[in-house]
Amino acid sequence: MANDKYNASVTYAGDGYFIGTTPTGIPQLMDSKGDRHAAPTPLEMLLVSVAACTAFDVQSILEKKRQDVVEYKVEIEGTRFDDYPRKFTAFHINHIVRGRGISEKALADAIELSDTKYCSVAATVRPTATITTSYEIVEI
């Protein structure tokens, strides 16, 4: 099994701002002063990354299962320790799928596959944080 390597960088841009450059060269502004809400903090980006990773998987699986999804949204809640380093201890992910005739089994299976097999971000945080999931199907 090969160990793929990824390279990224973070450069200070002044006034508490940093520019992160992804392995594909895409810049991402970050704000170390989270109270001004001008750009995400690294912690906020981690929260969104956990949600996005599973969303990408589940959407792709539902598409392959030919589910008639009109709108799909993932909401995530993270719980952190009060003491430093204030790491995340738990994530709860809620999948909300709007569509026509969405199979509950297809959705549950897609979430399970993402959670146990495909989502590398969840696999990365799982050793130190619990991840729970739920879902809602909204028929239109």
Protein backbone atom coordinates (compact mmCIF):
# COMPACT_ATOMS: atom_id res chain seq x y z
CA MET A 1 0.00 0.00 0.00
CA ALA A 2 1.46 3.34 -1.08
CA ASN A 3 1.51 6.34 1.18
CA ASP A 4 0.32 9.30 -0.86
CA LYS A 5 1.76 12.60 0.28
CA TYR A 6 0.03 15.95 0.11
CA ASN A 7 1.71 19.31 0.46
CA ALA A 8 0.07 22.54 1.51
CA SER A 9 1.27 25.81 2.99
CA VAL A 10 0.06 28.60 5.25
CA THR A 11 1.45 32.12 4.93
CA TYR A 12 0.89 35.01 7.31
CA ALA A 13 -0.81 37.89 5.46
CA GLY A 14 -0.88 40.42 8.33
CA ASP A 15 -3.49 41.59 10.84
CA GLY A 16 -4.27 38.03 11.97
CA TYR A 17 -5.03 36.76 8.45
CA PHE A 18 -3.38 33.74 6.90
CA ILE A 19 -3.55 32.35 3.38
CA GLY A 20 -3.64 28.59 3.20
CA THR A 21 -2.73 27.12 -0.15
CA THR A 22 -4.12 23.67 -0.83
CA PRO A 23 -2.22 20.87 -2.58
CA THR A 24 -4.01 21.86 -5.80
CA GLY A 25 -2.87 25.48 -5.43
CA ILE A 26 -6.20 26.97 -4.35
CA PRO A 27 -5.83 29.79 -1.82
CA GLN A 28 -8.06 29.92 1.26
CA LEU A 29 -8.20 32.99 3.50
CA MET A 30 -8.27 32.20 7.22
CA ASP A 31 -8.76 34.49 10.19
CA SER A 32 -7.01 33.85 13.49
CA LYS A 33 -9.27 36.45 15.14
CA GLY A 34 -12.50 34.48 14.91
CA ASP A 35 -14.57 37.24 16.51
CA ARG A 36 -14.57 39.45 13.41
CA HIS A 37 -16.01 36.71 11.16
CA ALA A 38 -14.11 37.85 8.09
CA ALA A 39 -12.91 34.37 7.13
CA PRO A 40 -13.14 30.90 8.67
CA THR A 41 -10.85 29.79 11.45
CA PRO A 42 -9.01 26.47 11.08
CA LEU A 43 -11.43 24.91 13.58
CA GLU A 44 -14.42 26.06 11.55
CA MET A 45 -12.80 24.63 8.43
CA LEU A 46 -12.39 21.26 10.17
CA LEU A 47 -16.07 21.22 11.11
CA VAL A 48 -17.09 22.00 7.52
CA SER A 49 -14.58 19.44 6.19
CA VAL A 50 -16.15 16.62 8.21
CA ALA A 51 -19.60 17.56 6.88
CA ALA A 52 -18.42 18.07 3.30
CA CYS A 53 -16.55 14.77 3.14
CA THR A 54 -19.62 12.74 4.03
CA ALA A 55 -21.87 14.94 1.86
CA PHE A 56 -19.70 14.28 -1.20
CA ASP A 57 -19.85 10.54 -0.56
CA VAL A 58 -23.57 10.32 0.20
CA GLN A 59 -24.60 12.47 -2.77
CA SER A 60 -22.48 10.37 -5.13
CA ILE A 61 -23.86 7.08 -3.76
CA LEU A 62 -27.47 8.32 -3.96
CA GLU A 63 -26.86 9.37 -7.55
CA LYS A 64 -25.50 5.89 -8.38
CA LYS A 65 -28.58 4.39 -6.70
CA ARG A 66 -30.68 6.61 -9.00
CA GLN A 67 -32.45 8.41 -6.19
CA ASP A 68 -34.41 11.49 -7.28
CA VAL A 69 -32.70 14.00 -4.98
CA VAL A 70 -33.76 17.60 -5.55
CA GLU A 71 -31.94 19.17 -2.59
CA TYR A 72 -29.41 17.79 -0.14
CA LYS A 73 -28.02 19.51 2.93
CA VAL A 74 -25.75 18.32 5.73
CA GLU A 75 -25.83 20.01 9.12
CA ILE A 76 -23.09 19.32 11.64
CA GLU A 77 -22.69 20.06 15.32
CA GLY A 78 -19.33 19.73 17.01
CA THR A 79 -18.74 19.46 20.75
CA ARG A 80 -15.43 20.59 22.24
CA PHE A 81 -13.62 20.24 25.55
CA ASP A 82 -13.71 23.33 27.77
CA ASP A 83 -10.00 23.00 28.58
CA TYR A 84 -7.17 23.60 26.16
CA PRO A 85 -6.43 22.49 23.53
CA ARG A 86 -10.27 22.48 23.29
CA LYS A 87 -10.34 19.69 20.74
CA PHE A 88 -13.54 18.28 19.29
CA THR A 89 -14.83 15.31 21.27
CA ALA A 90 -17.96 14.62 19.23
CA PHE A 91 -19.67 15.42 15.96
CA HIS A 92 -23.32 14.92 15.10
CA ILE A 93 -24.12 14.94 11.40
CA ASN A 94 -27.70 15.30 10.15
CA HIS A 95 -28.40 14.57 6.47
CA ILE A 96 -31.49 16.30 5.05
CA VAL A 97 -32.63 14.97 1.68
CA ARG A 98 -35.51 16.46 -0.31
CA GLY A 99 -36.75 14.56 -3.30
CA ARG A 100 -39.24 12.20 -4.85
CA GLY A 101 -39.55 8.62 -3.63
CA ILE A 102 -36.23 8.61 -1.77
CA SER A 103 -35.55 5.15 -0.39
CA GLU A 104 -34.85 5.24 3.33
CA LYS A 105 -32.68 2.13 2.94
CA ALA A 106 -30.67 3.71 0.10
CA LEU A 107 -30.01 6.78 2.23
CA ALA A 108 -29.14 4.82 5.38
CA ASP A 109 -26.80 2.56 3.37
CA ALA A 110 -25.12 5.57 1.72
CA ILE A 111 -24.52 7.22 5.10
CA GLU A 112 -23.15 3.95 6.52
CA LEU A 113 -20.77 3.48 3.56
CA SER A 114 -19.49 7.02 3.92
CA ASP A 115 -19.10 6.66 7.68
CA THR A 116 -17.35 3.29 7.67
CA LYS A 117 -15.52 3.13 4.35
CA TYR A 118 -15.13 6.28 2.27
CA CYS A 119 -14.93 9.49 4.33
CA SER A 120 -11.24 10.04 5.02
CA VAL A 121 -11.88 13.16 7.11
CA ALA A 122 -14.17 11.24 9.47
CA ALA A 123 -11.60 8.43 9.64
CA THR A 124 -8.97 11.01 10.60
CA VAL A 125 -10.95 12.56 13.48
CA ARG A 126 -12.66 9.37 14.68
CA PRO A 127 -9.81 8.18 16.94
CA THR A 128 -10.41 11.15 19.26
CA ALA A 129 -14.02 12.14 18.55
CA THR A 130 -17.28 10.23 18.35
CA ILE A 131 -19.37 10.67 15.22
CA THR A 132 -23.11 10.12 15.24
CA THR A 133 -25.49 10.55 12.32
CA SER A 134 -29.17 11.06 11.64
CA TYR A 135 -31.21 11.81 8.56
CA GLU A 136 -34.45 13.32 7.38
CA ILE A 137 -36.25 12.60 4.12
CA VAL A 138 -38.57 15.34 2.88
CA GLU A 139 -40.91 14.13 0.14
CA ILE A 140 -41.84 16.75 -2.44
